Amino acid sequence: MTKIHEVTEALSRIDNELAQKWLHNDLIKKSLAESYDYWLEDTRIPIPLKDYIIQYLANAEFLGGIFS
C-alpha cells in the first residue's frame, strides 16, 4: 500500500509548479496513492511512483476538480 509520505517524497522531486501545489494538498496525495495502488493491481504493469505522478501532472487539465 502506497503511503502519503511516499507521494510527498515523489512530488518533492518533481520540478513542476503544479506538483509543488499538490505537495501541500493531503487529499490529492491520498488520491494519488490510492489510484497508484489500483493501477498496479489492475494492470500489473510496474511503473515508478514518480513517473505515475508525472502522467497525472501531464493530464491535470483533463482531470479537473482538485487536480487542476
Protein backbone atom coordinates (compact mmCIF):
# COMPACT_ATOMS: atom_id res chain seq x y z
CA MET A 1 0.00 0.00 0.00
CA THR A 2 1.42 3.33 -1.08
CA LYS A 3 1.69 5.84 1.74
CA ILE A 4 1.05 9.57 1.59
CA HIS A 5 4.65 10.23 2.66
CA GLU A 6 5.85 8.30 -0.41
CA VAL A 7 3.73 10.53 -2.64
CA THR A 8 5.05 13.58 -0.78
CA GLU A 9 8.61 12.45 -1.43
CA ALA A 10 7.92 11.81 -5.13
CA LEU A 11 6.19 15.18 -5.58
CA SER A 12 9.07 16.98 -3.90
CA ARG A 13 11.45 15.55 -6.53
CA ILE A 14 9.39 16.83 -9.48
CA ASP A 15 10.28 20.26 -10.84
CA ASN A 16 6.79 21.41 -11.74
CA GLU A 17 4.66 24.26 -10.38
CA LEU A 18 1.54 22.11 -10.08
CA ALA A 19 3.50 19.35 -8.33
CA GLN A 20 4.56 21.88 -5.73
CA LYS A 21 0.92 22.90 -5.27
CA TRP A 22 -0.12 19.26 -4.88
CA LEU A 23 2.66 18.79 -2.34
CA HIS A 24 0.59 20.80 0.15
CA ASN A 25 -2.75 19.06 -0.51
CA ASP A 26 -3.27 15.87 1.51
CA LEU A 27 -6.46 14.96 -0.38
CA ILE A 28 -4.59 14.93 -3.69
CA LYS A 29 -1.73 12.93 -2.18
CA LYS A 30 -4.18 10.36 -0.79
CA SER A 31 -5.94 10.14 -4.16
CA LEU A 32 -2.63 9.65 -5.98
CA ALA A 33 -1.54 6.93 -3.55
CA GLU A 34 -4.83 5.04 -3.91
CA SER A 35 -5.01 5.34 -7.69
CA TYR A 36 -1.38 4.22 -7.99
CA ASP A 37 -2.17 1.09 -5.96
CA TYR A 38 -5.20 0.36 -8.15
CA TRP A 39 -3.08 0.87 -11.28
CA LEU A 40 -0.51 -1.66 -10.10
CA GLU A 41 -3.17 -4.14 -9.02
CA ASP A 42 -5.29 -3.86 -12.16
CA THR A 43 -2.63 -3.65 -14.85
CA ARG A 44 0.31 -5.43 -13.22
CA ILE A 45 2.46 -3.00 -15.22
CA PRO A 46 5.23 -1.75 -12.95
CA ILE A 47 5.84 1.97 -13.14
CA PRO A 48 7.75 4.08 -10.62
CA LEU A 49 5.52 6.27 -8.47
CA LYS A 50 7.27 9.42 -9.69
CA ASP A 51 6.55 8.52 -13.33
CA TYR A 52 2.94 7.75 -12.47
CA ILE A 53 2.55 11.18 -10.87
CA ILE A 54 4.19 12.86 -13.87
CA GLN A 55 1.49 11.29 -16.06
CA TYR A 56 -1.16 12.78 -13.78
CA LEU A 57 0.52 16.18 -13.98
CA ALA A 58 0.60 15.99 -17.78
CA ASN A 59 -3.15 15.36 -17.85
CA ALA A 60 -4.26 17.55 -14.94
CA GLU A 61 -6.27 19.87 -17.19
CA PHE A 62 -8.44 16.90 -18.24
CA LEU A 63 -8.87 15.63 -14.69
CA GLY A 64 -10.36 18.90 -13.45
CA GLY A 65 -11.59 19.35 -9.91
CA ILE A 66 -8.92 19.36 -7.25
CA PHE A 67 -6.26 18.27 -9.72
CA SER A 68 -6.32 21.38 -11.90
